[in-house]
C-alpha atoms as a PDB file:
ATOM      1  CA  MET A   1      23.514   9.275  23.673  1.00  0.00           C
ATOM      2  CA  LYS A   2      21.806   6.244  22.138  1.00  0.00           C
ATOM      3  CA  LYS A   3      24.134   4.478  19.727  1.00  0.00           C
ATOM      4  CA  LEU A   4      22.658   4.210  16.236  1.00  0.00           C
ATOM      5  CA  SER A   5      22.616   0.781  14.527  1.00  0.00           C
ATOM      6  CA  SER A   6      24.327   0.600  11.156  1.00  0.00           C
ATOM      7  CA  LEU A   7      20.885   0.318   9.478  1.00  0.00           C
ATOM      8  CA  SER A   8      19.624   3.403  11.257  1.00  0.00           C
ATOM      9  CA  LEU A   9      22.741   5.361  10.280  1.00  0.00           C
ATOM     10  CA  LEU A  10      22.388   4.370   6.656  1.00  0.00           C
ATOM     11  CA  LEU A  11      18.732   5.388   6.718  1.00  0.00           C
ATOM     12  CA  LEU A  12      19.587   8.840   8.109  1.00  0.00           C
ATOM     13  CA  LEU A  13      22.243   9.332   5.493  1.00  0.00           C
ATOM     14  CA  SER A  14      19.783   8.288   2.808  1.00  0.00           C
ATOM     15  CA  VAL A  15      17.002  10.600   3.773  1.00  0.00           C
ATOM     16  CA  SER A  16      19.186  13.600   4.693  1.00  0.00           C
ATOM     17  CA  SER A  17      19.756  14.363   1.054  1.00  0.00           C
ATOM     18  CA  LEU A  18      16.083  14.336   0.139  1.00  0.00           C
ATOM     19  CA  THR A  19      13.958  17.391  -0.414  1.00  0.00           C
ATOM     20  CA  CYS A  20      12.581  18.718   2.897  1.00  0.00           C
ATOM     21  CA  GLY A  21       9.213  20.302   3.579  1.00  0.00           C
ATOM     22  CA  SER A  22       5.781  18.997   2.738  1.00  0.00           C
ATOM     23  CA  GLU A  23       2.508  20.267   1.419  1.00  0.00           C
ATOM     24  CA  TYR A  24       0.716  17.919   3.839  1.00  0.00           C
ATOM     25  CA  GLN A  25      -0.139  18.907   7.396  1.00  0.00           C
ATOM     26  CA  GLU A  26       0.682  16.832  10.441  1.00  0.00           C
ATOM     27  CA  GLY A  27      -1.605  13.899  11.092  1.00  0.00           C
ATOM     28  CA  GLN A  28      -4.896  14.220  12.985  1.00  0.00           C
ATOM     29  CA  ALA A  29      -6.279  11.273  14.886  1.00  0.00           C
ATOM     30  CA  LEU A  30      -9.741  10.212  13.689  1.00  0.00           C
ATOM     31  CA  GLY A  31     -10.434   7.099  15.749  1.00  0.00           C
ATOM     32  CA  SER A  32      -9.122   3.750  16.836  1.00  0.00           C
ATOM     33  CA  VAL A  33      -9.679   0.266  15.403  1.00  0.00           C
ATOM     34  CA  SER A  34     -10.552  -1.706  18.517  1.00  0.00           C
ATOM     35  CA  LYS A  35     -11.569  -5.035  17.009  1.00  0.00           C
ATOM     36  CA  LYS A  36      -9.539  -7.794  18.682  1.00  0.00           C
ATOM     37  CA  LYS A  37      -8.956  -9.564  15.362  1.00  0.00           C
ATOM     38  CA  LEU A  38      -7.279  -6.488  13.853  1.00  0.00           C
ATOM     39  CA  LYS A  39      -3.958  -6.216  15.680  1.00  0.00           C
ATOM     40  CA  GLU A  40      -1.616  -6.686  12.751  1.00  0.00           C
ATOM     41  CA  ILE A  41      -2.892  -4.199  10.163  1.00  0.00           C
ATOM     42  CA  SER A  42      -0.625  -4.198   7.207  1.00  0.00           C
ATOM     43  CA  GLY A  43      -2.729  -2.712   4.385  1.00  0.00           C
ATOM     44  CA  ILE A  44      -5.233   0.049   3.839  1.00  0.00           C
ATOM     45  CA  ALA A  45      -7.233   1.334   0.859  1.00  0.00           C
ATOM     46  CA  THR A  46      -9.988   3.893   0.648  1.00  0.00           C
ATOM     47  CA  SER A  47     -13.338   2.939  -0.727  1.00  0.00           C
ATOM     48  CA  SER A  48     -14.404   4.349  -4.050  1.00  0.00           C
ATOM     49  CA  HIS A  49     -18.110   3.621  -3.226  1.00  0.00           C
ATOM     50  CA  SER A  50     -18.559   5.231   0.143  1.00  0.00           C
ATOM     51  CA  PRO A  51     -16.649   8.296   1.403  1.00  0.00           C
ATOM     52  CA  GLY A  52     -15.287   7.789   4.902  1.00  0.00           C
ATOM     53  CA  PHE A  53     -14.810   4.033   4.592  1.00  0.00           C
ATOM     54  CA  LEU A  54     -11.596   2.133   4.462  1.00  0.00           C
ATOM     55  CA  TRP A  55     -10.530  -1.456   3.523  1.00  0.00           C
ATOM     56  CA  VAL A  56      -7.996  -2.950   5.927  1.00  0.00           C
ATOM     57  CA  HIS A  57      -6.428  -6.324   6.515  1.00  0.00           C
ATOM     58  CA  ASN A  58      -3.955  -8.132   8.751  1.00  0.00           C
ATOM     59  CA  ASP A  59      -0.642  -9.376   7.454  1.00  0.00           C
ATOM     60  CA  GLY A  60       0.387 -13.013   6.992  1.00  0.00           C
ATOM     61  CA  ASP A  61      -2.178 -15.662   5.966  1.00  0.00           C
ATOM     62  CA  ALA A  62      -5.065 -13.213   6.466  1.00  0.00           C
ATOM     63  CA  LYS A  63      -8.528 -14.746   6.461  1.00  0.00           C
ATOM     64  CA  HIS A  64     -10.654 -11.625   6.164  1.00  0.00           C
ATOM     65  CA  LEU A  65     -10.795  -8.163   4.526  1.00  0.00           C
ATOM     66  CA  PHE A  66     -12.506  -5.626   6.871  1.00  0.00           C
ATOM     67  CA  ALA A  67     -14.593  -2.572   6.023  1.00  0.00           C
ATOM     68  CA  VAL A  68     -13.916   0.181   8.588  1.00  0.00           C
ATOM     69  CA  ASN A  69     -15.186   3.708   8.893  1.00  0.00           C
ATOM     70  CA  THR A  70     -12.711   6.494   9.587  1.00  0.00           C
ATOM     71  CA  ARG A  71     -13.698   6.472  13.319  1.00  0.00           C
ATOM     72  CA  GLY A  72     -12.320   2.944  13.508  1.00  0.00           C
ATOM     73  CA  THR A  73     -15.659   1.070  13.668  1.00  0.00           C
ATOM     74  CA  VAL A  74     -15.617  -2.244  11.825  1.00  0.00           C
ATOM     75  CA  MET A  75     -18.757  -2.310   9.682  1.00  0.00           C
ATOM     76  CA  GLY A  76     -18.246  -5.699   7.958  1.00  0.00           C
ATOM     77  CA  LYS A  77     -15.838  -8.325   6.794  1.00  0.00           C
ATOM     78  CA  LEU A  78     -15.339 -10.322   3.561  1.00  0.00           C
ATOM     79  CA  SER A  79     -14.037 -13.865   3.858  1.00  0.00           C
ATOM     80  CA  LEU A  80     -10.742 -14.722   2.216  1.00  0.00           C
ATOM     81  CA  LYS A  81     -10.671 -18.259   3.579  1.00  0.00           C
ATOM     82  CA  ASP A  82     -11.124 -19.875   0.183  1.00  0.00           C
ATOM     83  CA  LEU A  83      -8.174 -18.054  -1.331  1.00  0.00           C
ATOM     84  CA  LYS A  84      -4.609 -19.291  -1.193  1.00  0.00           C
ATOM     85  CA  ILE A  85      -2.690 -16.583   0.673  1.00  0.00           C
ATOM     86  CA  ASP A  86       0.861 -17.038   2.092  1.00  0.00           C
ATOM     87  CA  ASP A  87       1.818 -13.541   3.300  1.00  0.00           C
ATOM     88  CA  LEU A  88      -0.639 -10.743   2.549  1.00  0.00           C
ATOM     89  CA  GLU A  89       1.178  -7.396   2.972  1.00  0.00           C
ATOM     90  CA  ASP A  90      -0.707  -4.608   1.146  1.00  0.00           C
ATOM     91  CA  ILE A  91      -3.964  -3.707  -0.689  1.00  0.00           C
ATOM     92  CA  ALA A  92      -4.573  -1.304  -3.527  1.00  0.00           C
ATOM     93  CA  LEU A  93      -7.543  -0.008  -5.468  1.00  0.00           C
ATOM     94  CA  GLY A  94      -7.610   0.794  -9.157  1.00  0.00           C
ATOM     95  CA  PRO A  95      -8.990  -0.068 -12.575  1.00  0.00           C
ATOM     96  CA  GLY A  96      -9.277  -3.683 -13.781  1.00  0.00           C
ATOM     97  CA  SER A  97     -10.687  -5.768 -16.569  1.00  0.00           C
ATOM     98  CA  ARG A  98     -14.094  -4.110 -16.683  1.00  0.00           C
ATOM     99  CA  PRO A  99     -13.946  -0.463 -17.912  1.00  0.00           C
ATOM    100  CA  GLY A 100     -15.270   2.008 -15.389  1.00  0.00           C
ATOM    101  CA  ALA A 101     -15.297  -0.406 -12.464  1.00  0.00           C
ATOM    102  CA  SER A 102     -13.017  -0.222  -9.427  1.00  0.00           C
ATOM    103  CA  TYR A 103     -11.099  -3.303  -8.303  1.00  0.00           C
ATOM    104  CA  LEU A 104      -9.343  -4.276  -5.101  1.00  0.00           C
ATOM    105  CA  TYR A 105      -5.885  -5.848  -5.366  1.00  0.00           C
ATOM    106  CA  LEU A 106      -4.518  -7.963  -2.578  1.00  0.00           C
ATOM    107  CA  GLY A 107      -0.744  -8.231  -2.462  1.00  0.00           C
ATOM    108  CA  ASP A 108       0.346 -11.700  -1.290  1.00  0.00           C
ATOM    109  CA  ILE A 109       3.954 -10.472  -1.773  1.00  0.00           C
ATOM    110  CA  GLY A 110       5.712 -10.992   1.583  1.00  0.00           C
ATOM    111  CA  ASP A 111       8.775 -13.224   1.593  1.00  0.00           C
ATOM    112  CA  ASN A 112      10.845 -12.681   4.729  1.00  0.00           C
ATOM    113  CA  ASP A 113      13.031 -15.685   4.022  1.00  0.00           C
ATOM    114  CA  LYS A 114      13.332 -15.003   0.269  1.00  0.00           C
ATOM    115  CA  ALA A 115      12.172 -18.535  -0.347  1.00  0.00           C
ATOM    116  CA  ARG A 116       9.271 -18.036  -2.786  1.00  0.00           C
ATOM    117  CA  ASP A 117       9.759 -18.700  -6.524  1.00  0.00           C
ATOM    118  CA  SER A 118       6.708 -16.565  -7.218  1.00  0.00           C
ATOM    119  CA  ILE A 119       4.370 -14.147  -5.420  1.00  0.00           C
ATOM    120  CA  ARG A 120       0.685 -13.647  -5.924  1.00  0.00           C
ATOM    121  CA  VAL A 121      -1.753 -10.776  -6.422  1.00  0.00           C
ATOM    122  CA  ILE A 122      -5.544 -11.330  -6.167  1.00  0.00           C
ATOM    123  CA  ARG A 123      -7.983  -9.038  -7.940  1.00  0.00           C
ATOM    124  CA  PHE A 124     -11.764  -8.679  -7.561  1.00  0.00           C
ATOM    125  CA  GLN A 125     -14.343  -5.995  -8.229  1.00  0.00           C
ATOM    126  CA  GLU A 126     -14.782  -3.756  -5.200  1.00  0.00           C
ATOM    127  CA  PRO A 127     -17.947  -4.384  -3.259  1.00  0.00           C
ATOM    128  CA  SER A 128     -19.839  -1.730  -1.326  1.00  0.00           C
ATOM    129  CA  PRO A 129     -18.399  -1.556   2.220  1.00  0.00           C
ATOM    130  CA  THR A 130     -21.951  -0.784   3.492  1.00  0.00           C
ATOM    131  CA  GLY A 131     -23.422  -3.908   1.865  1.00  0.00           C
ATOM    132  CA  SER A 132     -23.568  -7.502   2.963  1.00  0.00           C
ATOM    133  CA  LEU A 133     -19.932  -8.546   2.480  1.00  0.00           C
ATOM    134  CA  LYS A 134     -20.593 -12.099   3.693  1.00  0.00           C
ATOM    135  CA  ASP A 135     -22.779 -12.529   0.579  1.00  0.00           C
ATOM    136  CA  TYR A 136     -20.220 -11.217  -1.895  1.00  0.00           C
ATOM    137  CA  SER A 137     -20.393 -13.316  -5.051  1.00  0.00           C
ATOM    138  CA  GLY A 138     -17.859 -11.608  -7.251  1.00  0.00           C
ATOM    139  CA  ALA A 139     -15.109 -13.513  -9.058  1.00  0.00           C
ATOM    140  CA  PHE A 140     -11.570 -13.604  -7.676  1.00  0.00           C
ATOM    141  CA  GLU A 141      -8.706 -13.487 -10.168  1.00  0.00           C
ATOM    142  CA  SER A 142      -5.224 -14.698  -9.134  1.00  0.00           C
ATOM    143  CA  PHE A 143      -1.977 -13.640 -10.846  1.00  0.00           C
ATOM    144  CA  GLN A 144       1.323 -15.394 -10.319  1.00  0.00           C
ATOM    145  CA  LEU A 145       4.228 -12.993 -10.503  1.00  0.00           C
ATOM    146  CA  SER A 146       8.008 -13.533 -10.459  1.00  0.00           C
ATOM    147  CA  TYR A 147      10.983 -11.195 -10.303  1.00  0.00           C
ATOM    148  CA  PRO A 148      13.431 -11.275 -13.289  1.00  0.00           C
ATOM    149  CA  ASP A 149      16.543 -11.124 -11.062  1.00  0.00           C
ATOM    150  CA  GLY A 150      16.092 -12.914  -7.818  1.00  0.00           C
ATOM    151  CA  ARG A 151      13.806 -13.316  -4.799  1.00  0.00           C
ATOM    152  CA  PHE A 152      12.728 -10.329  -2.703  1.00  0.00           C
ATOM    153  CA  ASP A 153      10.620  -9.487   0.278  1.00  0.00           C
ATOM    154  CA  ALA A 154       7.985  -6.778  -0.536  1.00  0.00           C
ATOM    155  CA  GLU A 155       5.256  -5.019   1.444  1.00  0.00           C
ATOM    156  CA  ALA A 156       4.153  -2.235  -0.912  1.00  0.00           C
ATOM    157  CA  LEU A 157       1.620  -2.675  -3.735  1.00  0.00           C
ATOM    158  CA  MET A 158       0.271   0.084  -5.925  1.00  0.00           C
ATOM    159  CA  ILE A 159      -2.017   0.397  -8.944  1.00  0.00           C
ATOM    160  CA  ASP A 160      -1.497   3.224 -11.386  1.00  0.00           C
ATOM    161  CA  PRO A 161      -4.986   4.760 -11.809  1.00  0.00           C
ATOM    162  CA  ILE A 162      -4.004   6.114 -15.232  1.00  0.00           C
ATOM    163  CA  THR A 163      -2.638   3.005 -16.915  1.00  0.00           C
ATOM    164  CA  GLY A 164      -3.927   0.240 -14.599  1.00  0.00           C
ATOM    165  CA  ASP A 165      -0.327  -1.048 -14.253  1.00  0.00           C
ATOM    166  CA  LEU A 166       0.643  -2.909 -11.086  1.00  0.00           C
ATOM    167  CA  ILE A 167       3.672  -1.697  -9.076  1.00  0.00           C
ATOM    168  CA  ILE A 168       5.537  -3.664  -6.368  1.00  0.00           C
ATOM    169  CA  VAL A 169       8.292  -2.108  -4.264  1.00  0.00           C
ATOM    170  CA  THR A 170      10.739  -4.346  -2.423  1.00  0.00           C
ATOM    171  CA  LYS A 171      11.632  -3.977   1.234  1.00  0.00           C
ATOM    172  CA  GLY A 172      15.306  -3.622   2.098  1.00  0.00           C
ATOM    173  CA  LYS A 173      18.342  -1.398   1.876  1.00  0.00           C
ATOM    174  CA  ASP A 174      18.289  -1.733  -1.859  1.00  0.00           C
ATOM    175  CA  THR A 175      14.708  -0.559  -2.788  1.00  0.00           C
ATOM    176  CA  ARG A 176      13.625  -1.850  -6.217  1.00  0.00           C
ATOM    177  CA  VAL A 177      10.458  -1.023  -8.135  1.00  0.00           C
ATOM    178  CA  TYR A 178       8.871  -3.634 -10.387  1.00  0.00           C
ATOM    179  CA  GLN A 179       5.944  -3.400 -12.825  1.00  0.00           C
ATOM    180  CA  ALA A 180       3.391  -5.584 -14.471  1.00  0.00           C
ATOM    181  CA  THR A 181       1.292  -3.843 -17.151  1.00  0.00           C
ATOM    182  CA  GLN A 182      -2.502  -4.043 -17.103  1.00  0.00           C
ATOM    183  CA  ALA A 183      -2.263  -6.175 -20.267  1.00  0.00           C
ATOM    184  CA  ASP A 184      -0.064  -8.661 -18.405  1.00  0.00           C
ATOM    185  CA  LEU A 185      -2.718  -9.319 -15.774  1.00  0.00           C
ATOM    186  CA  THR A 186      -4.566 -12.285 -17.218  1.00  0.00           C
ATOM    187  CA  THR A 187      -6.027 -14.926 -14.928  1.00  0.00           C
ATOM    188  CA  ASP A 188      -3.815 -18.033 -14.395  1.00  0.00           C
ATOM    189  CA  ARG A 189      -0.957 -16.530 -16.431  1.00  0.00           C
ATOM    190  CA  SER A 190       2.483 -16.429 -14.928  1.00  0.00           C
ATOM    191  CA  VAL A 191       4.043 -12.962 -15.375  1.00  0.00           C
ATOM    192  CA  THR A 192       7.656 -11.895 -15.106  1.00  0.00           C
ATOM    193  CA  LEU A 193       7.819  -8.439 -13.611  1.00  0.00           C
ATOM    194  CA  SER A 194       9.859  -5.670 -15.203  1.00  0.00           C
ATOM    195  CA  LEU A 195      12.364  -3.615 -13.210  1.00  0.00           C
ATOM    196  CA  LEU A 196      11.551   0.098 -13.355  1.00  0.00           C
ATOM    197  CA  GLY A 197      14.564   1.166 -11.295  1.00  0.00           C
ATOM    198  CA  THR A 198      15.857   1.698  -7.734  1.00  0.00           C
ATOM    199  CA  LEU A 199      14.919   4.356  -5.150  1.00  0.00           C
ATOM    200  CA  PRO A 200      17.009   6.302  -2.619  1.00  0.00           C
ATOM    201  CA  VAL A 201      14.848   5.178   0.284  1.00  0.00           C
ATOM    202  CA  MET A 202      14.877   2.135   2.608  1.00  0.00           C
ATOM    203  CA  ARG A 203      12.694  -0.458   4.242  1.00  0.00           C
ATOM    204  CA  VAL A 204       9.521   0.495   2.410  1.00  0.00           C
ATOM    205  CA  SER A 205       6.500  -1.125   4.095  1.00  0.00           C
ATOM    206  CA  ALA A 206       3.592   0.527   2.193  1.00  0.00           C
ATOM    207  CA  GLY A 207       2.770   2.744  -0.769  1.00  0.00           C
ATOM    208  CA  ASP A 208      -0.031   4.292  -2.785  1.00  0.00           C
ATOM    209  CA  ILE A 209      -0.721   6.396  -5.824  1.00  0.00           C
ATOM    210  CA  SER A 210      -3.334   9.205  -5.595  1.00  0.00           C
ATOM    211  CA  PRO A 211      -6.563   8.619  -7.504  1.00  0.00           C
ATOM    212  CA  LYS A 212      -5.630  11.494  -9.856  1.00  0.00           C
ATOM    213  CA  GLY A 213      -2.292   9.833 -10.463  1.00  0.00           C
ATOM    214  CA  ASP A 214      -0.309  12.949  -9.582  1.00  0.00           C
ATOM    215  CA  HIS A 215       1.231  11.923  -6.256  1.00  0.00           C
ATOM    216  CA  ILE A 216       3.035   8.730  -5.217  1.00  0.00           C
ATOM    217  CA  ILE A 217       3.734   8.089  -1.555  1.00  0.00           C
ATOM    218  CA  MET A 218       5.696   5.411   0.310  1.00  0.00           C
ATOM    219  CA  ARG A 219       6.512   4.899   3.939  1.00  0.00           C
ATOM    220  CA  ASN A 220       8.439   2.834   6.403  1.00  0.00           C
ATOM    221  CA  GLU A 221       8.087   2.715  10.158  1.00  0.00           C
ATOM    222  CA  THR A 222       9.502   6.216  10.709  1.00  0.00           C
ATOM    223  CA  ASN A 223       9.486   8.123   7.403  1.00  0.00           C
ATOM    224  CA  ALA A 224       7.398   8.755   4.303  1.00  0.00           C
ATOM    225  CA  TRP A 225       8.391  10.022   0.868  1.00  0.00           C
ATOM    226  CA  LEU A 226       6.435  11.758  -1.876  1.00  0.00           C
ATOM    227  CA  TRP A 227       7.060  11.826  -5.612  1.00  0.00           C
ATOM    228  CA  ARG A 228       5.185  14.291  -7.812  1.00  0.00           C
ATOM    229  CA  ARG A 229       3.961  13.093 -11.228  1.00  0.00           C
ATOM    230  CA  TYR A 230       3.328  15.619 -13.918  1.00  0.00           C
ATOM    231  CA  ALA A 231       0.879  15.388 -16.833  1.00  0.00           C
ATOM    232  CA  SER A 232       1.527  12.586 -19.330  1.00  0.00           C
ATOM    233  CA  GLU A 233       4.508  11.409 -17.317  1.00  0.00           C
ATOM    234  CA  SER A 234       5.420   7.728 -16.803  1.00  0.00           C
ATOM    235  CA  LEU A 235       6.066   6.386 -13.368  1.00  0.00           C
ATOM    236  CA  ARG A 236       9.636   5.571 -14.395  1.00  0.00           C
ATOM    237  CA  ARG A 237      10.156   9.266 -15.109  1.00  0.00           C
ATOM    238  CA  SER A 238       8.578  10.304 -11.810  1.00  0.00           C
ATOM    239  CA  PHE A 239      10.771   7.927  -9.860  1.00  0.00           C
ATOM    240  CA  SER A 240      13.867   9.318 -11.546  1.00  0.00           C
ATOM    241  CA  ARG A 241      13.507  12.434  -9.364  1.00  0.00           C
ATOM    242  CA  ARG A 242      14.448  12.568  -5.717  1.00  0.00           C
ATOM    243  CA  PRO A 243      11.363  12.489  -3.459  1.00  0.00           C
ATOM    244  CA  GLU A 244      10.157  14.981  -0.845  1.00  0.00           C
ATOM    245  CA  MET A 245       9.723  14.037   2.773  1.00  0.00           C
ATOM    246  CA  ALA A 246       6.122  13.651   3.925  1.00  0.00           C
ATOM    247  CA  PRO A 247       4.842  13.354   7.512  1.00  0.00           C
ATOM    248  CA  VAL A 248       3.895  10.225   9.332  1.00  0.00           C
ATOM    249  CA  ILE A 249       3.411   9.671  13.087  1.00  0.00           C
ATOM    250  CA  GLY A 250       6.096   6.980  13.628  1.00  0.00           C
ATOM    251  CA  PRO A 251       7.077   5.175  16.827  1.00  0.00           C
ATOM    252  CA  PRO A 252       6.343   4.968  19.689  1.00  0.00           C
ATOM    253  CA  THR A 253       2.795   6.143  18.873  1.00  0.00           C
ATOM    254  CA  GLU A 254       2.751   4.068  15.681  1.00  0.00           C
ATOM    255  CA  PRO A 255       4.822   1.095  16.822  1.00  0.00           C
ATOM    256  CA  ASN A 256       5.016  -0.534  13.422  1.00  0.00           C
ATOM    257  CA  GLY A 257       3.474   1.611  10.683  1.00  0.00           C
ATOM    258  CA  GLU A 258       2.809  -0.495   7.623  1.00  0.00           C
ATOM    259  CA  ALA A 259      -0.221   1.111   5.996  1.00  0.00           C
ATOM    260  CA  ILE A 260      -0.807   4.295   3.974  1.00  0.00           C
ATOM    261  CA  ALA A 261      -3.444   5.299   1.411  1.00  0.00           C
ATOM    262  CA  PHE A 262      -4.675   8.501  -0.239  1.00  0.00           C
ATOM    263  CA  ASP A 263      -8.322   9.457   0.102  1.00  0.00           C
ATOM    264  CA  ARG A 264     -10.501   9.329  -3.002  1.00  0.00           C
ATOM    265  CA  SER A 265     -10.357  13.112  -3.421  1.00  0.00           C
ATOM    266  CA  SER A 266      -6.557  13.074  -3.546  1.00  0.00           C
ATOM    267  CA  LEU A 267      -6.607  15.815  -0.827  1.00  0.00           C
ATOM    268  CA  GLY A 268      -4.864  13.831   1.887  1.00  0.00           C
ATOM    269  CA  TYR A 269      -3.838  10.410   3.065  1.00  0.00           C
ATOM    270  CA  TYR A 270      -4.516   7.951   5.890  1.00  0.00           C
ATOM    271  CA  THR A 271      -2.088   5.847   7.947  1.00  0.00           C
ATOM    272  CA  LEU A 272      -2.436   2.874  10.291  1.00  0.00           C
ATOM    273  CA  SER A 273      -0.086   0.842  12.346  1.00  0.00           C
ATOM    274  CA  GLU A 274       0.063  -2.627  13.753  1.00  0.00           C
ATOM    275  CA  GLY A 275      -0.888  -3.084  17.398  1.00  0.00           C
ATOM    276  CA  ALA A 276      -4.013  -3.226  19.552  1.00  0.00           C
ATOM    277  CA  ASP A 277      -6.409  -0.240  19.142  1.00  0.00           C
ATOM    278  CA  ALA A 278      -4.439   1.168  16.234  1.00  0.00           C
ATOM    279  CA  THR A 279      -5.288   4.872  15.543  1.00  0.00           C
ATOM    280  CA  ILE A 280      -6.336   6.060  12.127  1.00  0.00           C
ATOM    281  CA  TYR A 281      -4.508   9.311  11.195  1.00  0.00           C
ATOM    282  CA  TYR A 282      -5.346  11.687   8.427  1.00  0.00           C
ATOM    283  CA  PHE A 283      -2.844  14.047   6.774  1.00  0.00           C
ATOM    284  CA  ALA A 284      -4.599  16.844   4.927  1.00  0.00           C
ATOM    285  CA  ASN A 285      -3.182  18.792   1.966  1.00  0.00           C
ATOM    286  CA  ARG A 286      -2.360  22.369   2.860  1.00  0.00           C
ATOM    287  CA  LYS A 287      -3.569  23.474  -0.536  1.00  0.00           C
ATOM    288  CA  PRO A 288      -6.860  21.705  -1.245  1.00  0.00           C
END
């Protein structure tokens, strides 16, 4: 029998007490992303403009944001070369400064060495993934964020579609949830995040909130967890309940799963992994 590492054992003990069962079906492969420059996919978001299109990016000092259809074909790319990015780990879509418009949020939130005094989130109005991305002329807003109680590595960024608040989840054995309100997000302003609480999960590498705001999902390499959110409920209240397990593919098929996102109908979610020819999987809701 393979001997479990102490981290693996702690993870098993953590998830064993969570609610079992899921309303989501097992994942179905839709296609593979074969572009050579997309081998370290770390974030995924679904387009609000065009059904069947996804926004994806590599991690680290990523230079481009890619528009990909759900068969894995890269349809275009938007340059990020003029932006200061240290460690891009996740992407989210949600409301922003202009009422009724959808915005993309890039999470420059990675900090493996816990050496950064502040992290960064970049926001810009979502372009059409079927348009000429190389000619995108929208404004990029940059927000400097800091934790109130230390330095943390993080790979999960989410935007609450109801309030517009920004959520960051740290990666580690002690999973912490931080928040910046939509009102805090003012260009060139330095914001101290607020701690919402801790979660009974580990090593979170991605997360998303459904467009309806009623489901919150997070994942690591091998597991995913789902929180239900009821009408007029705050995220703090939702996170106070223990989550349900949700399906992901996991290794060895997904060697390093770091991306998850709900579709725009809130009827399912997509996952992607790092690695060459990464497969896009879709997990449909059993009760559409």
